């Protein structure tokens, strides 16, 4: 599932993930363990309320690489397949 971030439709970043969660467009959310709780806490709560699977990644650097971007990422989400 983690490797799907490179090949499937995704959103990266807290604002985009929150927006997609509110629209029920998200299949799985990935959260970096070293990200600040003030960034990830609300997203974790939204995932629980919407019954969306959360997977944890060790570092923001690792999550950014998995998404195919050159910067660190605190959160990312795979979008539902249409």
C-alpha atoms as a PDB file:
ATOM      1  CA  UNK A   1       0.000   0.000   0.000  1.00  0.00           C
ATOM      2  CA  UNK A   2       2.845   2.396   0.865  1.00  0.00           C
ATOM      3  CA  UNK A   3       4.388   1.930  -2.581  1.00  0.00           C
ATOM      4  CA  UNK A   4       1.044   2.884  -4.180  1.00  0.00           C
ATOM      5  CA  UNK A   5       1.806   6.512  -3.292  1.00  0.00           C
ATOM      6  CA  UNK A   6       4.110   6.748  -6.315  1.00  0.00           C
ATOM      7  CA  UNK A   7       1.682   5.313  -8.833  1.00  0.00           C
ATOM      8  CA  UNK A   8      -1.882   6.077  -7.701  1.00  0.00           C
ATOM      9  CA  UNK A   9      -3.820   9.327  -7.345  1.00  0.00           C
ATOM     10  CA  UNK A  10      -2.905  11.030  -4.095  1.00  0.00           C
ATOM     11  CA  UNK A  11      -2.878  14.291  -2.208  1.00  0.00           C
ATOM     12  CA  UNK A  12       0.022  15.505  -0.078  1.00  0.00           C
ATOM     13  CA  UNK A  13      -0.085  17.973   2.790  1.00  0.00           C
ATOM     14  CA  UNK A  14      -2.415  18.618   5.695  1.00  0.00           C
ATOM     15  CA  UNK A  15      -4.711  21.106   3.950  1.00  0.00           C
ATOM     16  CA  UNK A  16      -5.249  18.894   0.883  1.00  0.00           C
ATOM     17  CA  UNK A  17      -5.731  15.739   2.965  1.00  0.00           C
ATOM     18  CA  UNK A  18      -8.310  17.464   5.205  1.00  0.00           C
ATOM     19  CA  UNK A  19     -10.193  18.748   2.157  1.00  0.00           C
ATOM     20  CA  UNK A  20     -10.237  15.290   0.553  1.00  0.00           C
ATOM     21  CA  UNK A  21     -11.347  13.662   3.819  1.00  0.00           C
ATOM     22  CA  UNK A  22     -14.241  16.099   4.144  1.00  0.00           C
ATOM     23  CA  UNK A  23     -15.320  15.148   0.597  1.00  0.00           C
ATOM     24  CA  UNK A  24     -15.023  11.404   1.384  1.00  0.00           C
ATOM     25  CA  UNK A  25     -12.479  10.972  -1.418  1.00  0.00           C
ATOM     26  CA  UNK A  26      -9.818   9.180   0.654  1.00  0.00           C
ATOM     27  CA  UNK A  27      -8.972   5.483   0.744  1.00  0.00           C
ATOM     28  CA  UNK A  28      -5.971   5.530   3.131  1.00  0.00           C
ATOM     29  CA  UNK A  29      -4.102   8.255   5.015  1.00  0.00           C
ATOM     30  CA  UNK A  30      -0.368   8.094   5.705  1.00  0.00           C
ATOM     31  CA  UNK A  31       1.043  10.020   8.665  1.00  0.00           C
ATOM     32  CA  UNK A  32       4.715  10.506   9.503  1.00  0.00           C
ATOM     33  CA  UNK A  33       5.477   9.609  13.118  1.00  0.00           C
ATOM     34  CA  UNK A  34       7.901  12.533  13.450  1.00  0.00           C
ATOM     35  CA  UNK A  35       5.362  15.127  12.278  1.00  0.00           C
ATOM     36  CA  UNK A  36       4.027  17.651  14.776  1.00  0.00           C
ATOM     37  CA  UNK A  37       0.849  16.570  16.569  1.00  0.00           C
ATOM     38  CA  UNK A  38      -0.724  19.976  15.940  1.00  0.00           C
ATOM     39  CA  UNK A  39      -0.549  19.124  12.217  1.00  0.00           C
ATOM     40  CA  UNK A  40      -1.632  15.491  12.418  1.00  0.00           C
ATOM     41  CA  UNK A  41      -4.065  15.428  15.356  1.00  0.00           C
ATOM     42  CA  UNK A  42      -7.070  16.852  13.501  1.00  0.00           C
ATOM     43  CA  UNK A  43      -6.425  14.534  10.557  1.00  0.00           C
ATOM     44  CA  UNK A  44      -6.300  11.492  12.844  1.00  0.00           C
ATOM     45  CA  UNK A  45      -9.634  12.586  14.378  1.00  0.00           C
ATOM     46  CA  UNK A  46     -11.201  13.025  10.916  1.00  0.00           C
ATOM     47  CA  UNK A  47      -9.975   9.574   9.889  1.00  0.00           C
ATOM     48  CA  UNK A  48     -11.565   8.002  12.975  1.00  0.00           C
ATOM     49  CA  UNK A  49     -14.875   9.771  12.394  1.00  0.00           C
ATOM     50  CA  UNK A  50     -14.936   8.819   8.698  1.00  0.00           C
ATOM     51  CA  UNK A  51     -13.618   5.274   9.328  1.00  0.00           C
ATOM     52  CA  UNK A  52     -10.594   5.812   7.061  1.00  0.00           C
ATOM     53  CA  UNK A  53      -7.563   3.551   7.466  1.00  0.00           C
ATOM     54  CA  UNK A  54      -4.422   5.280   8.804  1.00  0.00           C
ATOM     55  CA  UNK A  55      -0.928   3.951   8.185  1.00  0.00           C
ATOM     56  CA  UNK A  56       2.077   5.366   9.994  1.00  0.00           C
ATOM     57  CA  UNK A  57       5.442   6.021   8.358  1.00  0.00           C
ATOM     58  CA  UNK A  58       8.601   6.511  10.425  1.00  0.00           C
ATOM     59  CA  UNK A  59       9.730   9.879   9.048  1.00  0.00           C
ATOM     60  CA  UNK A  60       8.481  12.833   7.031  1.00  0.00           C
ATOM     61  CA  UNK A  61      11.479  12.368   4.734  1.00  0.00           C
ATOM     62  CA  UNK A  62      10.447   8.775   4.012  1.00  0.00           C
ATOM     63  CA  UNK A  63       6.855   9.833   3.305  1.00  0.00           C
ATOM     64  CA  UNK A  64       7.991  12.594   0.951  1.00  0.00           C
ATOM     65  CA  UNK A  65      10.159  10.132  -0.971  1.00  0.00           C
ATOM     66  CA  UNK A  66       7.297   7.642  -1.195  1.00  0.00           C
ATOM     67  CA  UNK A  67       5.132  10.381  -2.705  1.00  0.00           C
ATOM     68  CA  UNK A  68       7.807  11.169  -5.280  1.00  0.00           C
ATOM     69  CA  UNK A  69       8.419  14.710  -4.033  1.00  0.00           C
ATOM     70  CA  UNK A  70      11.680  16.407  -3.070  1.00  0.00           C
ATOM     71  CA  UNK A  71      10.465  17.734   0.277  1.00  0.00           C
ATOM     72  CA  UNK A  72       9.355  16.150   3.532  1.00  0.00           C
ATOM     73  CA  UNK A  73       5.666  15.360   4.001  1.00  0.00           C
ATOM     74  CA  UNK A  74       3.788  15.113   7.291  1.00  0.00           C
ATOM     75  CA  UNK A  75       0.669  13.555   5.748  1.00  0.00           C
ATOM     76  CA  UNK A  76      -0.488  12.111   2.456  1.00  0.00           C
ATOM     77  CA  UNK A  77      -3.542  10.227   1.288  1.00  0.00           C
ATOM     78  CA  UNK A  78      -4.406   7.761  -1.445  1.00  0.00           C
ATOM     79  CA  UNK A  79      -7.596   8.784  -3.185  1.00  0.00           C
ATOM     80  CA  UNK A  80     -10.479   6.441  -3.905  1.00  0.00           C
ATOM     81  CA  UNK A  81     -10.314   4.709  -7.247  1.00  0.00           C
ATOM     82  CA  UNK A  82     -13.026   5.913  -9.594  1.00  0.00           C
END
